[in-house]
C-alpha cells in the first residue's frame, strides 16, 4: 500500500468479518476450547501475504506446564527503527450458562438478535432499547473481548500492507485472562525474548478491553489498571460438644468477626488523585465439617478480594494481620464476659477461659511444621503440592479449594492444638499499574490521552475522559511492577501455592516495563446474556483512535 491515507478504508467491514469468525472459536476460559482460538489466529495470519513472506514474525509461544497445552499467539509487523507499540487482547470467554435455551445462538449475533427479540419483554429495559435500536452487536465475546481483538488484527493486517512502515507493531492474543492470567504471565517472557532478539524499544502497551461509561456521551481511556489481591483467613478452633460450649472455641464466631471487620471496609480502599478503589468483599467462606454432628467445626476457611491502586502486598497483609488480632481480642473478651455469669450460676471453680490471641502468617505455620517433623514433612509437602496441581489442572478443585487443602495438610504436622488464625494469600495476584507512577515519562506518551481526547472531539464530536486505572481488572497489570523484590518476598511469605504451581515473572516484567493505556469500544453487560458492544465504536471510532495513537507514538503522521 503506497498511499498510507487509505489505511482505514473499509476497515469496519473487515473487523466484522474477523470478529464473526473469531467468536465461533468457543474458547471458554480454562478449557481445551482455548486452543480453537489459537487455531483460528494461525489460520488467519498464514493467509496474509506479509506473514507468508515473513513466517518468523508470527506464531505461538507455549505456556509451560499448561494442562491444555495452551499458548500465546503473536504477530509482528517489523518496520524501520526500534520503536514498538504492543497491542494485547485476551481471547478466552466466560461460559454461556445464563443463555439457557439460547446457548446454540450465543456465538451467532444475527440469529441471537432474532431470538432475543422474541423474549425482549424479559430483558432489562436498557437492553430492550439497545436491541430494538440496532446500534449494538449482541453475543458472547463480541464485547469481552474479541471485538477489541478483531480491531487489533484488522489494523495489523493493514499495517502489513505498507511498504515503508515506520516502527514496529506487535499484536499479542492471550488465553486465561478470565482465570489466572496464565497467558499474560507467559506473554511477558515472550515480549522479553522479542525485545532482545530484535532490539525493540517498547513505547507503550495498548489493551482494547471494552469500556463502560459513567455518561453515555463520554468515552473513557484508562492509563493503568487496578491491582487485585486475595487474602485468605484460616481459623482453627477447639472442639467441644454444643452442650459444653465454653469448653471449646468456635471458629465460626471468630471468623464472623473478621468478616464484619473487613467486608466493605474502606480503610482498604486506596485513594490516588480523584480515584478510589472499591472496598473489599468476601468471595468464599466455608467450615470443614463434612456431615452434621453436635460438635463445633474444627476450622473455618475464607478469602476476600481487595482491589488496589498503590498499596503493596506487604502493606495490605500488615493491615489484615492487625484486623485479625483486633478481632481475636474482641471475641476472647466477649466470650469471657459471657462466661462469667454462667460460671457464677454453675458455681464453677474457674472464672477465666484459657484462650489467648494467636495470629500467624502461613510461612510461620510452615516453619513450625518443618521444625516439628523436618524432612518427612518437607518431602510430603512437595508431593501434596504436586497432587493438588494435578487435581486443579483436571478441574477437580478450584484455586481456593487447593489453597485450603494445603493449609489443612500442614496442620497435620502442627502439635499445638490451641485456637489460632493463619492468614495468607490465594492466587492470582495482579499488581496495580498506572502511568502516573512513571517519572520522566516521554512527553509524547504523557500527553497521549490529551491528544486523543482532542482528536475524538474534532473527528467524531465525541468527548472522552481519562482515568488512571481500568477498574475491571486486566492483563495490563503485568506491564510493570513496583518494588518487585519486596513483592516477591511477600508472595513467598503469604502464598502457599507460590512457586512451581503459580508464579509471576517479576524479573521479566521489570525488563519489559512500559507504560500502558486501554483503548476499547463501549460495551455493556459483560459476562451476561445481554453482553453487547456499540457498533459505531467497534467499526469506526475505536480503530481510528488506536490508529491515531500508533501514528503519534511511532511519529508516523502519514498513517492519518
Protein backbone atom coordinates (compact mmCIF):
# COMPACT_ATOMS: atom_id res chain seq x y z
CA UNK A 1 0.00 0.00 0.00
CA UNK A 2 1.71 3.14 -1.24
CA UNK A 3 -0.93 5.61 -0.09
CA UNK A 4 -0.95 5.41 3.68
CA UNK A 5 -4.01 7.62 3.86
CA UNK A 6 -6.05 4.64 2.64
CA UNK A 7 -5.13 2.65 5.72
CA UNK A 8 -8.61 2.71 7.27
CA UNK A 9 -10.80 2.48 4.18
CA UNK A 10 -13.40 -0.26 4.64
CA UNK A 11 -11.85 -1.41 7.90
CA UNK A 12 -15.23 -1.67 9.65
CA UNK A 13 -16.33 -4.45 7.31
CA UNK A 14 -13.01 -6.23 7.80
CA UNK A 15 -13.38 -6.01 11.58
CA UNK A 16 -16.85 -7.52 11.31
CA UNK A 17 -15.61 -10.37 9.11
CA UNK A 18 -12.78 -11.20 11.52
CA UNK A 19 -14.96 -10.94 14.61
CA UNK A 20 -17.74 -13.24 13.38
CA UNK A 21 -15.15 -15.95 12.65
CA UNK A 22 -13.17 -15.27 15.84
CA UNK A 23 -16.16 -15.76 18.16
CA UNK A 24 -17.00 -19.10 16.54
CA UNK A 25 -13.90 -20.41 18.32
CA UNK A 26 -15.72 -21.15 21.57
CA UNK A 27 -12.70 -20.52 23.74
CA UNK A 28 -14.17 -20.88 27.22
CA UNK A 29 -11.65 -19.87 29.84
CA UNK A 30 -9.51 -22.63 31.39
CA UNK A 31 -10.60 -25.21 28.83
CA UNK A 32 -9.27 -27.02 25.80
CA UNK A 33 -11.53 -24.79 23.71
CA UNK A 34 -8.98 -22.02 24.02
CA UNK A 35 -6.85 -23.96 21.53
CA UNK A 36 -9.54 -23.24 18.93
CA UNK A 37 -8.80 -19.53 19.22
CA UNK A 38 -5.12 -20.26 18.55
CA UNK A 39 -6.03 -22.33 15.50
CA UNK A 40 -8.22 -19.54 14.17
CA UNK A 41 -5.45 -16.97 14.63
CA UNK A 42 -2.76 -19.08 12.98
CA UNK A 43 -5.06 -19.83 10.03
CA UNK A 44 -5.92 -16.15 9.73
CA UNK A 45 -2.31 -14.96 9.88
CA UNK A 46 -0.84 -17.54 7.50
CA UNK A 47 -3.12 -16.28 4.72
CA UNK A 48 -1.77 -12.73 4.98
CA UNK A 49 0.90 -12.10 2.34
CA UNK A 50 3.22 -10.31 4.75
CA UNK A 51 3.38 -13.31 7.05
CA UNK A 52 3.78 -15.70 4.15
CA UNK A 53 6.87 -13.67 3.28
CA UNK A 54 7.97 -13.32 6.93
CA UNK A 55 6.94 -16.53 8.73
CA UNK A 56 9.32 -15.74 11.62
CA UNK A 57 7.19 -12.76 12.59
CA UNK A 58 4.20 -14.72 13.82
CA UNK A 59 3.48 -17.86 15.78
CA UNK A 60 2.63 -19.24 19.19
CA UNK A 61 4.51 -19.27 22.47
CA UNK A 62 3.70 -22.23 24.69
CA UNK A 63 2.63 -21.77 28.29
CA UNK A 64 4.97 -24.02 30.28
CA UNK A 65 3.26 -26.91 32.05
CA UNK A 66 -0.19 -25.88 30.88
CA UNK A 67 -2.87 -28.57 31.35
CA UNK A 68 -4.49 -27.74 27.99
CA UNK A 69 -1.26 -27.08 26.08
CA UNK A 70 -2.42 -23.50 25.53
CA UNK A 71 -0.16 -20.89 24.02
CA UNK A 72 0.13 -17.17 23.47
CA UNK A 73 -0.46 -16.15 19.84
CA UNK A 74 1.52 -13.27 18.39
CA UNK A 75 2.27 -11.42 15.16
CA UNK A 76 4.61 -8.53 14.40
CA UNK A 77 4.87 -6.04 11.56
CA UNK A 78 8.56 -5.15 11.56
CA UNK A 79 9.25 -1.75 10.07
CA UNK A 80 12.09 0.73 10.22
CA UNK A 81 13.65 1.53 13.60
CA UNK A 82 13.29 0.09 17.08
CA UNK A 83 10.27 1.94 18.48
CA UNK A 84 7.48 -0.56 19.10
CA UNK A 85 3.83 -0.46 20.12
CA UNK A 86 2.37 -3.61 21.67
CA UNK A 87 -1.34 -4.39 21.27
CA UNK A 88 -2.81 -7.05 23.56
CA UNK A 89 -6.16 -8.72 23.95
CA UNK A 90 -7.44 -11.90 25.55
CA UNK A 91 -9.30 -14.48 23.52
CA UNK A 92 -10.91 -16.54 26.27
CA UNK A 93 -14.57 -16.01 27.10
CA UNK A 94 -16.77 -16.91 30.05
CA UNK A 95 -19.33 -19.71 29.93
CA UNK A 96 -22.81 -19.32 28.43
CA UNK A 97 -24.90 -20.96 31.14
CA UNK A 98 -27.04 -17.85 31.52
CA UNK A 99 -28.13 -18.15 27.86
CA UNK A 100 -30.18 -21.25 28.78
CA UNK A 101 -32.19 -22.26 25.68
CA UNK A 102 -30.36 -19.63 23.64
CA UNK A 103 -26.96 -21.30 24.07
CA UNK A 104 -26.88 -22.51 20.44
CA UNK A 105 -27.06 -18.87 19.30
CA UNK A 106 -24.54 -17.33 21.74
CA UNK A 107 -21.84 -17.12 19.04
CA UNK A 108 -24.02 -16.13 16.07
CA UNK A 109 -25.02 -12.49 16.67
CA UNK A 110 -27.60 -12.13 13.89
CA UNK A 111 -29.55 -15.22 14.94
CA UNK A 112 -29.14 -14.36 18.61
CA UNK A 113 -30.64 -10.93 17.98
CA UNK A 114 -33.68 -12.53 16.35
CA UNK A 115 -34.14 -14.86 19.31
CA UNK A 116 -33.68 -12.07 21.86
CA UNK A 117 -36.37 -10.02 20.15
CA UNK A 118 -38.77 -12.91 20.77
CA UNK A 119 -38.13 -12.68 24.53
CA UNK A 120 -37.40 -8.94 24.74
CA UNK A 121 -40.03 -8.35 27.43
CA UNK A 122 -37.97 -10.45 29.84
CA UNK A 123 -34.83 -8.35 29.29
CA UNK A 124 -33.85 -5.23 31.27
CA UNK A 125 -35.32 -2.04 29.79
CA UNK A 126 -31.95 -0.65 28.69
CA UNK A 127 -31.10 -3.90 26.90
CA UNK A 128 -34.51 -3.85 25.19
CA UNK A 129 -33.90 -0.32 23.90
CA UNK A 130 -30.42 -1.16 22.61
CA UNK A 131 -31.71 -4.33 20.96
CA UNK A 132 -34.53 -2.61 19.10
CA UNK A 133 -32.41 0.39 18.07
CA UNK A 134 -29.97 -1.98 16.38
CA UNK A 135 -26.96 0.07 17.47
CA UNK A 136 -25.31 -2.78 19.40
CA UNK A 137 -23.93 -6.18 18.43
CA UNK A 138 -25.02 -8.90 20.87
CA UNK A 139 -23.20 -12.16 21.60
CA UNK A 140 -20.72 -13.87 23.87
CA UNK A 141 -17.26 -12.43 23.34
CA UNK A 142 -18.24 -9.65 20.92
CA UNK A 143 -17.68 -7.22 23.76
CA UNK A 144 -15.36 -9.01 26.21
CA UNK A 145 -13.22 -9.01 24.26
CA UNK A 146 -12.89 -10.43 20.77
CA UNK A 147 -14.33 -7.19 19.44
CA UNK A 148 -11.22 -5.38 20.60
CA UNK A 149 -9.10 -8.25 19.30
CA UNK A 150 -10.68 -8.04 15.85
CA UNK A 151 -9.89 -4.32 15.74
CA UNK A 152 -6.24 -5.01 16.54
CA UNK A 153 -5.97 -7.78 13.96
CA UNK A 154 -7.58 -5.67 11.23
CA UNK A 155 -5.19 -2.80 11.92
CA UNK A 156 -2.14 -5.10 11.92
CA UNK A 157 -3.27 -6.54 8.58
CA UNK A 158 -3.44 -3.03 7.11
CA UNK A 159 -0.02 -2.09 8.51
CA UNK A 160 1.45 -5.20 6.92
CA UNK A 161 0.49 -3.80 3.50
CA UNK A 162 2.56 -0.61 3.94
CA UNK A 163 5.88 -0.84 2.13
CA UNK A 164 7.88 1.61 4.23
CA UNK A 165 6.24 1.28 7.61
CA UNK A 166 7.96 3.25 10.35
CA UNK A 167 8.42 1.44 13.66
CA UNK A 168 7.01 -1.91 14.78
CA UNK A 169 3.61 -3.14 15.90
CA UNK A 170 3.05 -6.40 17.76
CA UNK A 171 -0.34 -7.98 18.42
CA UNK A 172 -0.50 -10.50 21.24
CA UNK A 173 -3.56 -12.64 21.99
CA UNK A 174 -3.57 -14.40 25.34
CA UNK A 175 -5.74 -17.12 26.91
CA UNK A 176 -6.83 -17.43 30.53
CA UNK A 177 -7.43 -13.75 31.34
CA UNK A 178 -10.74 -14.58 32.98
CA UNK A 179 -9.00 -17.11 35.25
CA UNK A 180 -5.36 -16.79 36.41
CA UNK A 181 -3.84 -14.80 33.52
CA UNK A 182 -1.52 -17.68 32.64
CA UNK A 183 -1.44 -16.32 29.10
CA UNK A 184 -0.29 -12.83 30.02
CA UNK A 185 2.24 -14.08 32.52
CA UNK A 186 3.79 -16.11 29.68
CA UNK A 187 3.40 -13.23 27.22
CA UNK A 188 5.75 -11.19 29.41
CA UNK A 189 8.50 -13.75 28.77
CA UNK A 190 7.69 -13.73 25.04
CA UNK A 191 7.93 -9.93 24.96
CA UNK A 192 11.30 -10.09 26.69
CA UNK A 193 12.54 -12.58 24.08
CA UNK A 194 11.25 -10.48 21.18
CA UNK A 195 12.78 -7.37 22.69
CA UNK A 196 16.22 -8.99 22.93
CA UNK A 197 16.02 -10.74 19.56
CA UNK A 198 15.01 -7.67 17.55
CA UNK A 199 16.39 -4.90 19.77
CA UNK A 200 12.93 -3.43 20.29
CA UNK A 201 12.16 -0.27 22.24
CA UNK A 202 8.74 -0.74 23.80
CA UNK A 203 6.96 2.60 23.78
CA UNK A 204 3.52 1.64 25.06
CA UNK A 205 1.15 -1.30 25.51
CA UNK A 206 -2.41 -0.79 24.28
CA UNK A 207 -5.14 -3.08 25.54
CA UNK A 208 -8.59 -2.97 23.94
CA UNK A 209 -10.86 -4.13 26.73
CA UNK A 210 -14.36 -2.68 26.39
CA UNK A 211 -15.03 0.38 28.49
CA UNK A 212 -18.17 1.14 30.46
CA UNK A 213 -19.44 4.71 30.58
CA UNK A 214 -20.49 6.84 33.50
CA UNK A 215 -22.16 9.15 30.98
CA UNK A 216 -23.47 7.76 27.68
CA UNK A 217 -21.93 10.59 25.66
CA UNK A 218 -18.46 10.37 27.15
CA UNK A 219 -15.93 7.62 26.43
CA UNK A 220 -13.03 6.60 28.68
CA UNK A 221 -9.32 5.99 28.21
CA UNK A 222 -7.59 4.18 31.11
CA UNK A 223 -3.89 4.87 31.70
CA UNK A 224 -3.36 1.96 34.04
CA UNK A 225 -5.11 -0.97 35.64
CA UNK A 226 -6.31 -1.68 39.15
CA UNK A 227 -4.47 -4.31 41.17
CA UNK A 228 -6.06 -7.29 42.84
CA UNK A 229 -5.04 -9.32 45.86
CA UNK A 230 -6.91 -12.12 47.68
CA UNK A 231 -6.11 -12.52 51.37
CA UNK A 232 -7.23 -15.76 52.97
CA UNK A 233 -8.10 -16.43 56.59
CA UNK A 234 -7.99 -19.87 58.20
CA UNK A 235 -9.36 -20.07 61.74
CA UNK A 236 -8.56 -23.16 63.78
CA UNK A 237 -10.88 -23.65 66.73
CA UNK A 238 -11.07 -26.07 69.64
CA UNK A 239 -13.66 -28.84 69.53
CA UNK A 240 -16.40 -29.32 72.08
CA UNK A 241 -19.94 -30.65 72.30
CA UNK A 242 -22.62 -27.95 71.94
CA UNK A 243 -23.68 -28.74 75.48
CA UNK A 244 -20.21 -27.69 76.67
CA UNK A 245 -19.78 -24.52 74.61
CA UNK A 246 -17.37 -22.79 76.97
CA UNK A 247 -15.01 -25.77 76.85
CA UNK A 248 -14.48 -25.17 73.14
CA UNK A 249 -13.65 -22.33 70.79
CA UNK A 250 -15.99 -21.94 67.83
CA UNK A 251 -14.00 -20.74 64.79
CA UNK A 252 -17.24 -19.54 63.19
CA UNK A 253 -17.58 -16.93 65.91
CA UNK A 254 -14.12 -15.52 65.28
CA UNK A 255 -14.39 -15.71 61.50
CA UNK A 256 -17.70 -13.85 61.62
CA UNK A 257 -16.00 -11.01 63.48
CA UNK A 258 -13.22 -10.89 60.88
CA UNK A 259 -15.74 -10.83 58.05
CA UNK A 260 -17.68 -7.97 59.61
CA UNK A 261 -14.44 -6.01 60.13
CA UNK A 262 -13.27 -6.42 56.54
CA UNK A 263 -16.37 -6.52 54.29
CA UNK A 264 -16.69 -3.13 52.57
CA UNK A 265 -14.07 -1.69 54.92
CA UNK A 266 -12.99 1.50 53.16
CA UNK A 267 -9.73 1.54 55.13
CA UNK A 268 -8.55 -0.91 52.47
CA UNK A 269 -9.54 1.45 49.65
CA UNK A 270 -6.57 3.25 48.14
CA UNK A 271 -7.02 6.83 47.02
CA UNK A 272 -4.94 8.20 44.14
CA UNK A 273 -5.89 11.67 42.98
CA UNK A 274 -9.64 11.69 42.47
CA UNK A 275 -9.88 7.91 42.20
CA UNK A 276 -10.69 5.48 44.99
CA UNK A 277 -10.57 1.71 44.88
CA UNK A 278 -13.80 -0.14 45.72
CA UNK A 279 -13.75 -1.62 49.24
CA UNK A 280 -13.13 -5.38 49.71
CA UNK A 281 -15.73 -8.10 49.55
CA UNK A 282 -15.71 -11.76 50.60
CA UNK A 283 -15.73 -14.40 47.86
CA UNK A 284 -15.58 -17.66 49.81
CA UNK A 285 -16.45 -18.84 53.32
CA UNK A 286 -16.74 -22.44 54.47
CA UNK A 287 -16.26 -24.63 57.55
CA UNK A 288 -14.57 -28.02 57.38
CA UNK A 289 -17.50 -30.15 58.52
CA UNK A 290 -18.38 -32.88 56.05
CA UNK A 291 -21.55 -34.02 57.86
CA UNK A 292 -23.85 -32.98 60.68
CA UNK A 293 -22.98 -33.71 64.30
CA UNK A 294 -23.42 -31.87 67.60
CA UNK A 295 -19.88 -30.57 67.90
CA UNK A 296 -18.42 -27.29 66.73
CA UNK A 297 -16.50 -27.20 63.46
CA UNK A 298 -12.76 -27.53 63.92
CA UNK A 299 -11.82 -24.93 61.31
CA UNK A 300 -13.27 -22.29 59.02
CA UNK A 301 -11.70 -21.01 55.79
CA UNK A 302 -12.43 -17.94 53.74
CA UNK A 303 -10.95 -15.37 51.40
CA UNK A 304 -11.83 -11.90 50.22
CA UNK A 305 -10.82 -9.71 47.32
CA UNK A 306 -9.08 -6.34 47.61
CA UNK A 307 -8.59 -4.00 44.65
CA UNK A 308 -5.55 -1.76 44.92
CA UNK A 309 -4.33 1.46 43.37
CA UNK A 310 -0.97 1.90 45.07
CA UNK A 311 -0.59 -0.43 48.05
CA UNK A 312 1.89 -3.29 48.03
CA UNK A 313 1.10 -6.84 49.24
CA UNK A 314 3.08 -6.33 52.44
CA UNK A 315 1.20 -3.17 53.40
CA UNK A 316 -2.11 -4.95 52.85
CA UNK A 317 -1.09 -8.04 54.80
CA UNK A 318 0.03 -5.89 57.72
CA UNK A 319 -3.50 -4.45 57.78
CA UNK A 320 -5.03 -7.94 57.55
CA UNK A 321 -2.89 -9.08 60.48
CA UNK A 322 -3.97 -6.11 62.58
CA UNK A 323 -7.66 -6.80 61.93
CA UNK A 324 -7.19 -10.48 62.76
CA UNK A 325 -5.55 -9.58 66.08
CA UNK A 326 -8.20 -6.99 66.93
CA UNK A 327 -11.00 -9.41 66.05
CA UNK A 328 -9.40 -12.18 68.11
CA UNK A 329 -9.05 -9.89 71.11
CA UNK A 330 -12.65 -8.74 70.80
CA UNK A 331 -14.02 -12.30 70.64
CA UNK A 332 -11.94 -13.53 73.58
CA UNK A 333 -13.11 -10.54 75.64
CA UNK A 334 -16.73 -11.12 74.66
CA UNK A 335 -16.53 -14.84 75.45
CA UNK A 336 -15.06 -14.07 78.84
CA UNK A 337 -17.83 -11.55 79.60
CA UNK A 338 -20.47 -14.13 78.71
CA UNK A 339 -18.75 -16.93 80.58
CA UNK A 340 -18.56 -15.14 83.93
CA UNK A 341 -22.31 -15.10 84.76
CA UNK A 342 -22.57 -18.69 83.51
CA UNK A 343 -19.71 -19.76 85.79
CA UNK A 344 -21.26 -17.90 88.73
CA UNK A 345 -24.61 -19.65 88.39
CA UNK A 346 -22.99 -23.03 87.80
CA UNK A 347 -20.58 -22.39 90.71
CA UNK A 348 -17.60 -23.36 88.58
CA UNK A 349 -14.18 -23.14 90.19
CA UNK A 350 -12.51 -21.42 87.23
CA UNK A 351 -13.71 -17.96 86.25
CA UNK A 352 -11.21 -17.47 83.38
CA UNK A 353 -11.24 -19.02 79.92
CA UNK A 354 -7.86 -20.25 78.60
CA UNK A 355 -7.94 -18.67 75.13
CA UNK A 356 -5.09 -16.42 74.03
CA UNK A 357 -4.67 -14.42 70.84
CA UNK A 358 -2.60 -16.36 68.29
CA UNK A 359 -2.25 -14.98 64.75
CA UNK A 360 0.44 -16.16 62.28
CA UNK A 361 1.18 -15.84 58.55
CA UNK A 362 1.31 -19.03 56.51
CA UNK A 363 5.12 -19.00 56.40
CA UNK A 364 5.20 -19.29 60.22
CA UNK A 365 2.86 -22.27 60.12
CA UNK A 366 5.04 -23.96 57.51
CA UNK A 367 8.16 -23.21 59.60
CA UNK A 368 6.55 -24.70 62.70
CA UNK A 369 5.66 -27.92 60.84
CA UNK A 370 9.21 -28.11 59.46
CA UNK A 371 10.72 -27.75 62.93
CA UNK A 372 8.38 -30.45 64.24
CA UNK A 373 8.92 -33.08 61.54
CA UNK A 374 11.80 -31.94 59.35
CA UNK A 375 12.50 -33.74 56.07
CA UNK A 376 9.46 -36.02 56.33
CA UNK A 377 7.16 -33.02 56.34
CA UNK A 378 9.03 -31.17 53.58
CA UNK A 379 9.03 -34.18 51.24
CA UNK A 380 5.36 -34.92 51.89
CA UNK A 381 4.51 -31.26 51.39
CA UNK A 382 6.12 -31.24 47.95
CA UNK A 383 4.19 -34.36 46.98
CA UNK A 384 0.91 -32.84 48.14
CA UNK A 385 1.55 -29.67 46.13
CA UNK A 386 2.09 -31.81 43.02
CA UNK A 387 -1.09 -33.79 43.70
CA UNK A 388 -3.07 -30.60 44.24
CA UNK A 389 -1.74 -29.15 40.99
CA UNK A 390 -2.87 -32.29 39.14
CA UNK A 391 -6.34 -32.04 40.65
CA UNK A 392 -6.56 -28.36 39.74
CA UNK A 393 -5.50 -28.99 36.16
CA UNK A 394 -8.19 -31.66 35.85
CA UNK A 395 -10.81 -29.26 37.16
CA UNK A 396 -11.35 -31.29 40.33
CA UNK A 397 -10.85 -28.33 42.65
CA UNK A 398 -10.77 -24.54 42.44
CA UNK A 399 -7.68 -22.48 43.21
CA UNK A 400 -9.26 -21.50 46.54
CA UNK A 401 -10.00 -25.12 47.48
CA UNK A 402 -6.45 -26.08 46.52
CA UNK A 403 -5.10 -23.40 48.83
CA UNK A 404 -7.05 -24.57 51.87
CA UNK A 405 -6.36 -28.24 51.20
CA UNK A 406 -2.69 -27.36 51.51
CA UNK A 407 -3.23 -25.41 54.75
CA UNK A 408 -5.18 -28.32 56.22
CA UNK A 409 -2.36 -30.68 55.24
CA UNK A 410 0.25 -28.55 57.02
CA UNK A 411 -1.92 -28.57 60.12
CA UNK A 412 -1.47 -32.33 60.40
CA UNK A 413 2.13 -31.58 61.40
CA UNK A 414 1.24 -28.91 63.98
CA UNK A 415 1.43 -30.18 67.56
CA UNK A 416 -0.09 -27.09 69.18
CA UNK A 417 -3.86 -27.67 69.15
CA UNK A 418 -4.85 -24.33 70.68
CA UNK A 419 -7.01 -21.96 68.56
CA UNK A 420 -5.26 -19.67 66.11
CA UNK A 421 -5.62 -17.68 62.93
CA UNK A 422 -3.47 -18.37 59.88
CA UNK A 423 -3.55 -15.71 57.17
CA UNK A 424 -2.06 -15.50 53.71
CA UNK A 425 -2.79 -15.05 50.02
CA UNK A 426 -4.58 -17.03 47.32
CA UNK A 427 -3.54 -16.65 43.66
CA UNK A 428 -3.83 -14.76 41.40
CA UNK A 429 -2.03 -11.54 42.23
CA UNK A 430 -2.44 -8.53 39.94
CA UNK A 431 -0.05 -5.59 40.50
CA UNK A 432 -1.55 -2.11 40.30
CA UNK A 433 -0.08 -0.13 37.42
CA UNK A 434 -0.56 3.42 36.18
CA UNK A 435 1.32 5.89 34.05
CA UNK A 436 1.15 8.37 36.95
CA UNK A 437 3.82 6.28 38.67
CA UNK A 438 6.34 6.83 35.86
CA UNK A 439 8.87 9.58 36.43
CA UNK A 440 10.23 11.42 33.41
CA UNK A 441 7.72 9.86 31.04
CA UNK A 442 8.27 10.79 27.39
CA UNK A 443 6.11 13.80 26.56
CA UNK A 444 4.55 12.04 23.61
CA UNK A 445 3.26 9.38 25.98
CA UNK A 446 2.41 11.61 28.93
CA UNK A 447 0.22 13.77 26.67
CA UNK A 448 -1.16 10.94 24.53
CA UNK A 449 -4.57 10.76 26.20
CA UNK A 450 -4.93 14.53 25.99
CA UNK A 451 -4.14 14.41 22.27
CA UNK A 452 -6.58 11.54 21.73
CA UNK A 453 -9.33 13.39 23.59
CA UNK A 454 -8.85 16.37 21.28
CA UNK A 455 -8.85 14.06 18.28
CA UNK A 456 -12.11 12.31 19.21
CA UNK A 457 -13.91 15.61 19.73
CA UNK A 458 -12.65 17.04 16.46
CA UNK A 459 -13.13 13.86 14.44
CA UNK A 460 -16.37 12.48 15.88
CA UNK A 461 -17.80 15.21 18.10
CA UNK A 462 -17.32 12.63 20.85
CA UNK A 463 -15.96 13.57 24.27
CA UNK A 464 -13.58 11.22 26.09
CA UNK A 465 -12.11 11.45 29.56
CA UNK A 466 -9.05 9.85 31.09
CA UNK A 467 -8.84 7.74 34.24
CA UNK A 468 -5.67 6.50 35.89
CA UNK A 469 -6.94 2.94 36.39
CA UNK A 470 -9.06 0.46 34.47
CA UNK A 471 -11.13 -0.94 37.34
CA UNK A 472 -12.35 -4.11 35.63
CA UNK A 473 -9.01 -5.90 36.27
CA UNK A 474 -6.94 -6.59 33.17
CA UNK A 475 -3.74 -8.08 31.83
CA UNK A 476 -2.23 -4.59 31.76
CA UNK A 477 -1.29 -5.31 35.38
CA UNK A 478 1.75 -7.17 34.07
CA UNK A 479 3.21 -4.27 32.07
CA UNK A 480 5.24 -3.05 35.04
CA UNK A 481 5.73 -3.65 38.75
CA UNK A 482 6.94 -1.51 41.65
CA UNK A 483 9.25 -2.90 44.32
CA UNK A 484 9.49 -6.23 42.53
CA UNK A 485 11.90 -7.81 45.02
CA UNK A 486 9.71 -6.88 48.00
CA UNK A 487 6.63 -8.13 46.19
CA UNK A 488 8.28 -11.46 45.50
CA UNK A 489 9.29 -11.80 49.15
CA UNK A 490 5.73 -11.05 50.29
CA UNK A 491 4.26 -13.64 47.93
CA UNK A 492 6.75 -16.24 49.20
CA UNK A 493 5.74 -15.43 52.78
CA UNK A 494 1.98 -15.41 52.40
CA UNK A 495 1.06 -17.50 49.35
CA UNK A 496 1.17 -21.30 49.89
CA UNK A 497 0.82 -22.01 46.16
CA UNK A 498 3.54 -19.58 45.06
CA UNK A 499 6.39 -21.37 43.31
CA UNK A 500 6.06 -24.17 40.78
CA UNK A 501 2.24 -24.15 40.99
CA UNK A 502 1.78 -20.40 40.46
CA UNK A 503 4.42 -17.80 39.71
CA UNK A 504 4.84 -14.30 38.33
CA UNK A 505 7.87 -13.50 36.11
CA UNK A 506 8.79 -10.44 38.15
CA UNK A 507 12.27 -10.01 36.68
CA UNK A 508 10.91 -10.25 33.15
CA UNK A 509 8.19 -7.71 33.93
CA UNK A 510 10.87 -5.32 35.12
CA UNK A 511 12.83 -5.90 31.91
CA UNK A 512 9.94 -5.19 29.53
CA UNK A 513 8.38 -2.48 31.74
CA UNK A 514 6.39 0.03 29.71
CA UNK A 515 3.52 2.50 30.19
CA UNK A 516 0.08 1.40 29.09
CA UNK A 517 -3.37 2.52 28.03
CA UNK A 518 -6.72 0.87 27.44
CA UNK A 519 -8.47 1.95 24.26
CA UNK A 520 -11.52 -0.19 23.68
CA UNK A 521 -15.07 0.06 22.34
CA UNK A 522 -18.05 0.92 24.50
CA UNK A 523 -19.74 -2.20 25.80
CA UNK A 524 -22.39 -3.27 28.26
CA UNK A 525 -23.33 -6.28 30.41
CA UNK A 526 -20.02 -8.15 30.28
CA UNK A 527 -20.44 -11.85 31.16
CA UNK A 528 -24.24 -11.63 30.84
CA UNK A 529 -26.84 -12.86 28.35
CA UNK A 530 -27.17 -9.30 27.08
CA UNK A 531 -23.42 -8.77 26.52
CA UNK A 532 -23.11 -6.28 23.67
CA UNK A 533 -20.76 -3.83 22.01
CA UNK A 534 -21.58 -0.46 20.43
CA UNK A 535 -21.27 -0.85 16.66
CA UNK A 536 -20.12 2.72 15.97
CA UNK A 537 -17.21 2.23 18.35
CA UNK A 538 -16.40 -1.26 17.11
CA UNK A 539 -16.36 -0.50 13.41
CA UNK A 540 -15.40 3.16 13.23
CA UNK A 541 -14.27 5.12 16.28
CA UNK A 542 -12.02 2.70 18.16
CA UNK A 543 -9.92 1.56 15.17
CA UNK A 544 -9.41 5.20 14.21
CA UNK A 545 -8.43 6.14 17.77
CA UNK A 546 -5.93 3.27 18.08
CA UNK A 547 -4.51 4.10 14.66
CA UNK A 548 -4.15 7.74 15.75
CA UNK A 549 -2.34 6.63 18.92
CA UNK A 550 0.06 4.44 16.94
CA UNK A 551 0.72 7.27 14.46
CA UNK A 552 1.62 9.60 17.33
CA UNK A 553 3.75 7.04 19.16
CA UNK A 554 5.72 5.98 16.08
CA UNK A 555 5.90 9.52 14.70
CA UNK A 556 4.14 8.35 11.56
CA UNK A 557 1.66 11.14 10.72
CA UNK A 558 1.06 9.76 7.21
CA UNK A 559 -0.99 6.95 8.74
CA UNK A 560 -3.73 9.51 9.20
